[in-house]
Amino acid sequence: MSLLAQLSDPHVDVGPGDAGSAEALAAAVRAVLRLDPAADAVLVSGDVTNRADARSYERAAELLAPLPMPVHVLPGNHDDRAELRAAFPAGVGDDPGAADAPVRYAVGCGGLRLVVFDSTRPGEPGGAFDAAAAAWLSSRLAEAPETPTIVATHHPPIEIGITELDEIGLPVADRARLAGLLATCPQVRRVACGHVHRGAVGMVGGCPVVCCPSGYLHARLDLRPGADLVLEPGAPAFGLHALVGGHLVSHVEAVPG
């Protein structure tokens, strides 16, 4: 059995009066540490900090430090690529990019392979999967066509029906580009993402997509067109992707209060 735990959108902030984000990440780390058997690795799927300042990244690194397994990170729309790299130099795999270049890498996690691509557009809340990202992902996936693979990114390549979140997701053309690529790569068993602060499941290119809830703030379910987005405390959870008998199953597990 191979296990990849996933934490998402902790939004760590060391600003005045915002101890809640740190407390929530500490609780999520404790929940992962209680797993038996232990996870082979942990993925943090973006929005590691809220304001992308060095002090918040330092605090996030301190909170994740008790995890004895490799911790792999990727940026969300609230993150800064250079600050993320500085805080987690071992957390961006074999990424050779310049400080402000997209964070892209591939690593092994037990019997799984994790391939990470950066969907962020600096200064914008929405994401992208452009031709350059597609060429890079195609090349990395071609390296191990027989290995069960999880592709991880921040922005989900699906719409979830919550207007304000779908408006800052991946554009239709970019979702179609990813779908076309994944349709040719059957070793990709899952696309793991965050961004939407709630659990949601869909498909892209015949591959299941799993959105991991935030361990901090939860997006209220409101499917009315044009409804305002509400982020509220409650329903903290983490993801767990388990390769069992050659099949990949994804769990969403509540973080104890």
C-alpha atoms as a PDB file:
ATOM      1  CA  MET A   1       0.000   0.000   0.000  1.00  0.00           C
ATOM      2  CA  SER A   2       1.175   3.506  -0.856  1.00  0.00           C
ATOM      3  CA  LEU A   3      -0.316   6.548   0.882  1.00  0.00           C
ATOM      4  CA  LEU A   4      -0.205  10.213  -0.053  1.00  0.00           C
ATOM      5  CA  ALA A   5      -1.837  12.592   2.430  1.00  0.00           C
ATOM      6  CA  GLN A   6      -3.066  15.929   1.106  1.00  0.00           C
ATOM      7  CA  LEU A   7      -3.462  19.188   3.001  1.00  0.00           C
ATOM      8  CA  SER A   8      -4.843  22.205   1.195  1.00  0.00           C
ATOM      9  CA  ASP A   9      -5.414  25.916   1.575  1.00  0.00           C
ATOM     10  CA  PRO A  10      -4.136  26.449   5.125  1.00  0.00           C
ATOM     11  CA  HIS A  11      -3.796  30.205   4.450  1.00  0.00           C
ATOM     12  CA  VAL A  12      -1.299  30.620   7.294  1.00  0.00           C
ATOM     13  CA  ASP A  13      -1.234  34.247   8.394  1.00  0.00           C
ATOM     14  CA  VAL A  14       0.810  35.694  11.225  1.00  0.00           C
ATOM     15  CA  GLY A  15      -1.074  38.980  11.171  1.00  0.00           C
ATOM     16  CA  PRO A  16      -2.680  40.369  14.337  1.00  0.00           C
ATOM     17  CA  GLY A  17      -5.623  38.360  15.551  1.00  0.00           C
ATOM     18  CA  ASP A  18      -5.272  35.517  13.062  1.00  0.00           C
ATOM     19  CA  ALA A  19      -4.026  32.637  15.183  1.00  0.00           C
ATOM     20  CA  GLY A  20      -6.822  30.447  13.823  1.00  0.00           C
ATOM     21  CA  SER A  21      -5.017  29.547  10.596  1.00  0.00           C
ATOM     22  CA  ALA A  22      -1.950  28.303  12.482  1.00  0.00           C
ATOM     23  CA  GLU A  23      -4.052  26.359  14.964  1.00  0.00           C
ATOM     24  CA  ALA A  24      -5.937  24.717  12.111  1.00  0.00           C
ATOM     25  CA  LEU A  25      -2.765  23.625  10.310  1.00  0.00           C
ATOM     26  CA  ALA A  26      -1.304  22.277  13.558  1.00  0.00           C
ATOM     27  CA  ALA A  27      -4.471  20.198  14.058  1.00  0.00           C
ATOM     28  CA  ALA A  28      -4.282  18.871  10.485  1.00  0.00           C
ATOM     29  CA  VAL A  29      -0.642  17.877  10.994  1.00  0.00           C
ATOM     30  CA  ARG A  30      -1.586  16.012  14.174  1.00  0.00           C
ATOM     31  CA  ALA A  31      -4.323  14.180  12.255  1.00  0.00           C
ATOM     32  CA  VAL A  32      -1.850  13.078   9.573  1.00  0.00           C
ATOM     33  CA  LEU A  33       0.620  11.953  12.239  1.00  0.00           C
ATOM     34  CA  ARG A  34      -2.067   9.659  13.689  1.00  0.00           C
ATOM     35  CA  LEU A  35      -2.416   7.709  10.422  1.00  0.00           C
ATOM     36  CA  ASP A  36      -1.486   4.034  10.756  1.00  0.00           C
ATOM     37  CA  PRO A  37       0.143   3.021   8.504  1.00  0.00           C
ATOM     38  CA  ALA A  38       1.904   6.323   8.059  1.00  0.00           C
ATOM     39  CA  ALA A  39       1.688   8.272   4.833  1.00  0.00           C
ATOM     40  CA  ASP A  40       4.643   7.940   2.470  1.00  0.00           C
ATOM     41  CA  ALA A  41       4.489  11.667   1.756  1.00  0.00           C
ATOM     42  CA  VAL A  42       2.331  14.760   2.242  1.00  0.00           C
ATOM     43  CA  LEU A  43       1.164  17.135  -0.475  1.00  0.00           C
ATOM     44  CA  VAL A  44       0.204  20.722   0.378  1.00  0.00           C
ATOM     45  CA  SER A  45      -1.848  21.821  -2.615  1.00  0.00           C
ATOM     46  CA  GLY A  46      -1.520  25.580  -2.508  1.00  0.00           C
ATOM     47  CA  ASP A  47      -2.457  28.737  -0.646  1.00  0.00           C
ATOM     48  CA  VAL A  48       0.105  27.804   1.952  1.00  0.00           C
ATOM     49  CA  THR A  49      -0.055  31.364   3.258  1.00  0.00           C
ATOM     50  CA  ASN A  50      -2.636  34.101   3.016  1.00  0.00           C
ATOM     51  CA  ARG A  51      -0.453  37.163   2.360  1.00  0.00           C
ATOM     52  CA  ALA A  52       2.667  35.516   0.855  1.00  0.00           C
ATOM     53  CA  ASP A  53       5.019  37.209   3.323  1.00  0.00           C
ATOM     54  CA  ALA A  54       8.230  35.638   4.601  1.00  0.00           C
ATOM     55  CA  ARG A  55       7.061  35.466   8.237  1.00  0.00           C
ATOM     56  CA  SER A  56       3.934  33.528   7.294  1.00  0.00           C
ATOM     57  CA  TYR A  57       5.978  31.059   5.220  1.00  0.00           C
ATOM     58  CA  GLU A  58       8.384  30.636   8.117  1.00  0.00           C
ATOM     59  CA  ARG A  59       5.452  29.868  10.419  1.00  0.00           C
ATOM     60  CA  ALA A  60       3.958  27.405   7.920  1.00  0.00           C
ATOM     61  CA  ALA A  61       7.286  25.587   7.670  1.00  0.00           C
ATOM     62  CA  GLU A  62       7.468  25.370  11.475  1.00  0.00           C
ATOM     63  CA  LEU A  63       3.964  23.907  11.651  1.00  0.00           C
ATOM     64  CA  LEU A  64       4.712  21.297   8.990  1.00  0.00           C
ATOM     65  CA  ALA A  65       8.121  20.394  10.452  1.00  0.00           C
ATOM     66  CA  PRO A  66       6.781  17.605  12.772  1.00  0.00           C
ATOM     67  CA  LEU A  67       5.903  15.522   9.706  1.00  0.00           C
ATOM     68  CA  PRO A  68       8.722  12.963   9.327  1.00  0.00           C
ATOM     69  CA  MET A  69       7.883  12.080   5.726  1.00  0.00           C
ATOM     70  CA  PRO A  70       8.631  14.227   2.641  1.00  0.00           C
ATOM     71  CA  VAL A  71       6.377  17.271   2.324  1.00  0.00           C
ATOM     72  CA  HIS A  72       5.726  18.421  -1.249  1.00  0.00           C
ATOM     73  CA  VAL A  73       4.308  21.885  -1.852  1.00  0.00           C
ATOM     74  CA  LEU A  74       2.820  23.787  -4.756  1.00  0.00           C
ATOM     75  CA  PRO A  75       1.665  27.399  -5.007  1.00  0.00           C
ATOM     76  CA  GLY A  76      -1.882  28.700  -4.942  1.00  0.00           C
ATOM     77  CA  ASN A  77      -3.148  32.087  -6.003  1.00  0.00           C
ATOM     78  CA  HIS A  78      -2.357  33.519  -2.543  1.00  0.00           C
ATOM     79  CA  ASP A  79       1.259  32.341  -2.712  1.00  0.00           C
ATOM     80  CA  ASP A  80       4.510  33.816  -3.990  1.00  0.00           C
ATOM     81  CA  ARG A  81       6.685  31.391  -5.937  1.00  0.00           C
ATOM     82  CA  ALA A  82      10.008  32.776  -4.750  1.00  0.00           C
ATOM     83  CA  GLU A  83       8.985  32.891  -1.083  1.00  0.00           C
ATOM     84  CA  LEU A  84       7.558  29.357  -1.339  1.00  0.00           C
ATOM     85  CA  ARG A  85      10.820  28.039  -2.773  1.00  0.00           C
ATOM     86  CA  ALA A  86      12.830  29.821  -0.081  1.00  0.00           C
ATOM     87  CA  ALA A  87      10.718  28.385   2.739  1.00  0.00           C
ATOM     88  CA  PHE A  88      10.512  24.830   1.338  1.00  0.00           C
ATOM     89  CA  PRO A  89      13.740  24.206  -0.613  1.00  0.00           C
ATOM     90  CA  ALA A  90      13.274  20.430  -0.299  1.00  0.00           C
ATOM     91  CA  GLY A  91       9.557  20.619  -1.011  1.00  0.00           C
ATOM     92  CA  VAL A  92       9.650  21.389  -4.730  1.00  0.00           C
ATOM     93  CA  GLY A  93      11.186  18.082  -5.838  1.00  0.00           C
ATOM     94  CA  ASP A  94      13.512  18.270  -8.811  1.00  0.00           C
ATOM     95  CA  ASP A  95      12.245  21.708  -9.811  1.00  0.00           C
ATOM     96  CA  PRO A  96      15.149  23.533 -11.515  1.00  0.00           C
ATOM     97  CA  GLY A  97      13.289  26.780 -12.148  1.00  0.00           C
ATOM     98  CA  ALA A  98      14.303  30.313 -11.340  1.00  0.00           C
ATOM     99  CA  ALA A  99      12.854  31.753  -8.148  1.00  0.00           C
ATOM    100  CA  ASP A 100       9.804  33.217  -9.875  1.00  0.00           C
ATOM    101  CA  ALA A 101       9.344  30.484 -12.503  1.00  0.00           C
ATOM    102  CA  PRO A 102       6.370  28.100 -12.373  1.00  0.00           C
ATOM    103  CA  VAL A 103       6.794  25.356  -9.786  1.00  0.00           C
ATOM    104  CA  ARG A 104       6.809  22.032 -11.661  1.00  0.00           C
ATOM    105  CA  TYR A 105       8.281  18.704 -10.577  1.00  0.00           C
ATOM    106  CA  ALA A 106       7.803  14.952 -10.353  1.00  0.00           C
ATOM    107  CA  VAL A 107       8.638  12.711  -7.386  1.00  0.00           C
ATOM    108  CA  GLY A 108       8.035   9.150  -6.249  1.00  0.00           C
ATOM    109  CA  CYS A 109       5.756   8.441  -3.276  1.00  0.00           C
ATOM    110  CA  GLY A 110       6.021   4.751  -2.479  1.00  0.00           C
ATOM    111  CA  GLY A 111       4.460   2.974  -5.443  1.00  0.00           C
ATOM    112  CA  LEU A 112       2.866   6.201  -6.672  1.00  0.00           C
ATOM    113  CA  ARG A 113       4.313   8.972  -8.795  1.00  0.00           C
ATOM    114  CA  LEU A 114       3.343  12.569  -8.037  1.00  0.00           C
ATOM    115  CA  VAL A 115       3.576  15.082 -10.880  1.00  0.00           C
ATOM    116  CA  VAL A 116       2.956  18.699  -9.878  1.00  0.00           C
ATOM    117  CA  PHE A 117       2.237  21.611 -12.188  1.00  0.00           C
ATOM    118  CA  ASP A 118       1.775  25.239 -11.220  1.00  0.00           C
ATOM    119  CA  SER A 119      -1.623  26.561 -12.309  1.00  0.00           C
ATOM    120  CA  THR A 120      -1.159  30.042 -10.861  1.00  0.00           C
ATOM    121  CA  ARG A 121      -0.994  33.354 -12.717  1.00  0.00           C
ATOM    122  CA  PRO A 122       0.945  35.800 -10.514  1.00  0.00           C
ATOM    123  CA  GLY A 123      -1.277  38.646  -9.390  1.00  0.00           C
ATOM    124  CA  GLU A 124      -4.470  36.927 -10.573  1.00  0.00           C
ATOM    125  CA  PRO A 125      -6.900  34.726  -8.618  1.00  0.00           C
ATOM    126  CA  GLY A 126      -7.693  32.483 -11.589  1.00  0.00           C
ATOM    127  CA  GLY A 127      -5.495  29.775 -12.999  1.00  0.00           C
ATOM    128  CA  ALA A 128      -4.009  28.628 -16.295  1.00  0.00           C
ATOM    129  CA  PHE A 129      -2.817  25.519 -18.096  1.00  0.00           C
ATOM    130  CA  ASP A 130      -1.146  26.938 -21.166  1.00  0.00           C
ATOM    131  CA  ALA A 131       0.725  25.282 -24.031  1.00  0.00           C
ATOM    132  CA  ALA A 132       4.061  25.467 -22.193  1.00  0.00           C
ATOM    133  CA  ALA A 133       2.613  23.748 -19.129  1.00  0.00           C
ATOM    134  CA  ALA A 134       1.016  21.111 -21.352  1.00  0.00           C
ATOM    135  CA  ALA A 135       4.319  20.397 -23.106  1.00  0.00           C
ATOM    136  CA  TRP A 136       6.101  20.059 -19.773  1.00  0.00           C
ATOM    137  CA  LEU A 137       3.412  17.775 -18.304  1.00  0.00           C
ATOM    138  CA  SER A 138       3.310  15.601 -21.415  1.00  0.00           C
ATOM    139  CA  SER A 139       7.082  15.147 -21.258  1.00  0.00           C
ATOM    140  CA  ARG A 140       7.092  14.193 -17.575  1.00  0.00           C
ATOM    141  CA  LEU A 141       4.176  11.796 -17.920  1.00  0.00           C
ATOM    142  CA  ALA A 142       5.950  10.068 -20.825  1.00  0.00           C
ATOM    143  CA  GLU A 143       8.840   9.212 -18.485  1.00  0.00           C
ATOM    144  CA  ALA A 144       6.809   6.633 -16.523  1.00  0.00           C
ATOM    145  CA  PRO A 145       3.823   5.430 -18.562  1.00  0.00           C
ATOM    146  CA  GLU A 146       3.289   2.333 -16.404  1.00  0.00           C
ATOM    147  CA  THR A 147       3.493   3.933 -12.933  1.00  0.00           C
ATOM    148  CA  PRO A 148       0.236   4.874 -11.175  1.00  0.00           C
ATOM    149  CA  THR A 149       0.348   8.664 -11.132  1.00  0.00           C
ATOM    150  CA  ILE A 150      -1.352  11.549  -9.361  1.00  0.00           C
ATOM    151  CA  VAL A 151      -1.245  14.911 -11.113  1.00  0.00           C
ATOM    152  CA  ALA A 152      -1.496  17.736  -8.595  1.00  0.00           C
ATOM    153  CA  THR A 153      -2.294  21.391  -9.104  1.00  0.00           C
ATOM    154  CA  HIS A 154      -4.080  24.162  -7.229  1.00  0.00           C
ATOM    155  CA  HIS A 155      -6.975  25.170  -9.487  1.00  0.00           C
ATOM    156  CA  PRO A 156      -9.467  22.384 -10.249  1.00  0.00           C
ATOM    157  CA  PRO A 157      -9.901  21.604 -13.966  1.00  0.00           C
ATOM    158  CA  ILE A 158     -13.665  21.304 -13.399  1.00  0.00           C
ATOM    159  CA  GLU A 159     -16.548  23.588 -12.520  1.00  0.00           C
ATOM    160  CA  ILE A 160     -18.143  22.841  -9.147  1.00  0.00           C
ATOM    161  CA  GLY A 161     -21.296  24.946  -9.500  1.00  0.00           C
ATOM    162  CA  ILE A 162     -20.339  27.704  -7.047  1.00  0.00           C
ATOM    163  CA  THR A 163     -20.282  30.784  -9.265  1.00  0.00           C
ATOM    164  CA  GLU A 164     -17.593  32.851  -7.583  1.00  0.00           C
ATOM    165  CA  LEU A 165     -15.185  29.916  -7.371  1.00  0.00           C
ATOM    166  CA  ASP A 166     -15.808  28.775 -10.939  1.00  0.00           C
ATOM    167  CA  GLU A 167     -15.071  32.312 -12.132  1.00  0.00           C
ATOM    168  CA  ILE A 168     -11.538  32.051 -10.701  1.00  0.00           C
ATOM    169  CA  GLY A 169     -10.805  28.511 -11.846  1.00  0.00           C
ATOM    170  CA  LEU A 170      -9.176  27.289 -15.074  1.00  0.00           C
ATOM    171  CA  PRO A 171     -10.493  28.731 -18.343  1.00  0.00           C
ATOM    172  CA  VAL A 172     -12.583  26.440 -20.546  1.00  0.00           C
ATOM    173  CA  ALA A 173      -9.869  26.155 -23.199  1.00  0.00           C
ATOM    174  CA  ASP A 174      -7.259  25.226 -20.596  1.00  0.00           C
ATOM    175  CA  ARG A 175      -9.518  22.557 -19.103  1.00  0.00           C
ATOM    176  CA  ALA A 176      -9.981  21.144 -22.598  1.00  0.00           C
ATOM    177  CA  ARG A 177      -6.204  21.158 -23.169  1.00  0.00           C
ATOM    178  CA  LEU A 178      -5.646  19.173 -19.971  1.00  0.00           C
ATOM    179  CA  ALA A 179      -8.503  16.808 -20.802  1.00  0.00           C
ATOM    180  CA  GLY A 180      -6.978  16.028 -24.187  1.00  0.00           C
ATOM    181  CA  LEU A 181      -3.617  15.241 -22.626  1.00  0.00           C
ATOM    182  CA  LEU A 182      -4.966  13.074 -19.818  1.00  0.00           C
ATOM    183  CA  ALA A 183      -7.093  11.092 -22.246  1.00  0.00           C
ATOM    184  CA  THR A 184      -3.819   9.729 -23.672  1.00  0.00           C
ATOM    185  CA  CYS A 185      -2.233   8.952 -20.273  1.00  0.00           C
ATOM    186  CA  PRO A 186      -4.084   6.092 -18.549  1.00  0.00           C
ATOM    187  CA  GLN A 187      -1.444   5.866 -15.825  1.00  0.00           C
ATOM    188  CA  VAL A 188      -2.847   9.107 -14.353  1.00  0.00           C
ATOM    189  CA  ARG A 189      -5.318   7.821 -11.800  1.00  0.00           C
ATOM    190  CA  ARG A 190      -6.235  11.112 -10.172  1.00  0.00           C
ATOM    191  CA  VAL A 191      -5.997  14.875 -10.458  1.00  0.00           C
ATOM    192  CA  ALA A 192      -5.639  16.257  -6.920  1.00  0.00           C
ATOM    193  CA  CYS A 193      -6.302  19.933  -6.316  1.00  0.00           C
ATOM    194  CA  GLY A 194      -7.511  22.498  -3.790  1.00  0.00           C
ATOM    195  CA  HIS A 195      -8.587  26.148  -4.173  1.00  0.00           C
ATOM    196  CA  VAL A 196     -12.334  25.652  -3.644  1.00  0.00           C
ATOM    197  CA  HIS A 197     -12.199  25.032   0.136  1.00  0.00           C
ATOM    198  CA  ARG A 198     -14.550  22.059   0.041  1.00  0.00           C
ATOM    199  CA  GLY A 199     -14.637  18.454  -1.107  1.00  0.00           C
ATOM    200  CA  ALA A 200     -15.804  17.981  -4.690  1.00  0.00           C
ATOM    201  CA  VAL A 201     -15.351  15.265  -7.306  1.00  0.00           C
ATOM    202  CA  GLY A 202     -15.520  15.418 -11.103  1.00  0.00           C
ATOM    203  CA  MET A 203     -13.832  14.129 -14.265  1.00  0.00           C
ATOM    204  CA  VAL A 204     -11.399  15.552 -16.800  1.00  0.00           C
ATOM    205  CA  GLY A 205     -10.252  13.576 -19.816  1.00  0.00           C
ATOM    206  CA  GLY A 206     -11.672  10.405 -18.291  1.00  0.00           C
ATOM    207  CA  CYS A 207      -9.639  10.903 -15.096  1.00  0.00           C
ATOM    208  CA  PRO A 208     -11.242  11.530 -11.684  1.00  0.00           C
ATOM    209  CA  VAL A 209     -10.634  14.942 -10.133  1.00  0.00           C
ATOM    210  CA  VAL A 210     -10.689  15.275  -6.331  1.00  0.00           C
ATOM    211  CA  CYS A 211     -10.811  18.689  -4.662  1.00  0.00           C
ATOM    212  CA  CYS A 212      -9.394  18.551  -1.150  1.00  0.00           C
ATOM    213  CA  PRO A 213     -11.187  20.644   1.496  1.00  0.00           C
ATOM    214  CA  SER A 214      -9.315  23.307   3.377  1.00  0.00           C
ATOM    215  CA  GLY A 215      -8.139  22.499   6.850  1.00  0.00           C
ATOM    216  CA  TYR A 216      -9.079  26.041   7.874  1.00  0.00           C
ATOM    217  CA  LEU A 217     -12.060  27.761   6.207  1.00  0.00           C
ATOM    218  CA  HIS A 218     -14.932  25.937   4.513  1.00  0.00           C
ATOM    219  CA  ALA A 219     -16.794  27.185   1.425  1.00  0.00           C
ATOM    220  CA  ARG A 220     -20.523  27.110   2.063  1.00  0.00           C
ATOM    221  CA  LEU A 221     -22.503  25.113  -0.502  1.00  0.00           C
ATOM    222  CA  ASP A 222     -24.665  27.564  -2.445  1.00  0.00           C
ATOM    223  CA  LEU A 223     -25.412  26.555  -6.025  1.00  0.00           C
ATOM    224  CA  ARG A 224     -27.657  29.514  -6.861  1.00  0.00           C
ATOM    225  CA  PRO A 225     -26.298  31.373  -9.922  1.00  0.00           C
ATOM    226  CA  GLY A 226     -24.459  34.493  -8.824  1.00  0.00           C
ATOM    227  CA  ALA A 227     -24.612  33.701  -5.111  1.00  0.00           C
ATOM    228  CA  ASP A 228     -21.909  35.324  -2.977  1.00  0.00           C
ATOM    229  CA  LEU A 229     -19.082  33.074  -1.814  1.00  0.00           C
ATOM    230  CA  VAL A 230     -19.066  32.501   1.950  1.00  0.00           C
ATOM    231  CA  LEU A 231     -15.957  31.103   3.654  1.00  0.00           C
ATOM    232  CA  GLU A 232     -16.590  30.099   7.232  1.00  0.00           C
ATOM    233  CA  PRO A 233     -14.944  28.078  10.014  1.00  0.00           C
ATOM    234  CA  GLY A 234     -15.914  24.445  10.178  1.00  0.00           C
ATOM    235  CA  ALA A 235     -15.627  21.143   8.321  1.00  0.00           C
ATOM    236  CA  PRO A 236     -11.795  21.050   8.357  1.00  0.00           C
ATOM    237  CA  ALA A 237     -10.526  17.963   6.567  1.00  0.00           C
ATOM    238  CA  PHE A 238      -7.602  16.459   4.693  1.00  0.00           C
ATOM    239  CA  GLY A 239      -7.283  14.071   1.778  1.00  0.00           C
ATOM    240  CA  LEU A 240      -5.699  10.640   1.646  1.00  0.00           C
ATOM    241  CA  HIS A 241      -4.886   8.898  -1.634  1.00  0.00           C
ATOM    242  CA  ALA A 242      -4.240   5.184  -1.174  1.00  0.00           C
ATOM    243  CA  LEU A 243      -2.877   2.773  -3.769  1.00  0.00           C
ATOM    244  CA  VAL A 244      -4.441  -0.531  -2.748  1.00  0.00           C
ATOM    245  CA  GLY A 245      -3.935  -3.656  -4.831  1.00  0.00           C
ATOM    246  CA  GLY A 246      -3.031  -1.555  -7.856  1.00  0.00           C
ATOM    247  CA  HIS A 247      -6.161   0.608  -7.547  1.00  0.00           C
ATOM    248  CA  LEU A 248      -6.207   4.191  -6.281  1.00  0.00           C
ATOM    249  CA  VAL A 249      -8.859   5.256  -3.783  1.00  0.00           C
ATOM    250  CA  SER A 250      -9.188   8.780  -2.381  1.00  0.00           C
ATOM    251  CA  HIS A 251     -10.588   9.510   1.075  1.00  0.00           C
ATOM    252  CA  VAL A 252     -11.624  12.776   2.691  1.00  0.00           C
ATOM    253  CA  GLU A 253     -11.076  12.608   6.442  1.00  0.00           C
ATOM    254  CA  ALA A 254     -12.305  15.098   9.029  1.00  0.00           C
ATOM    255  CA  VAL A 255      -9.746  16.825  11.236  1.00  0.00           C
ATOM    256  CA  PRO A 256     -10.790  16.305  14.874  1.00  0.00           C
ATOM    257  CA  GLY A 257     -11.701  19.484  16.693  1.00  0.00           C
END
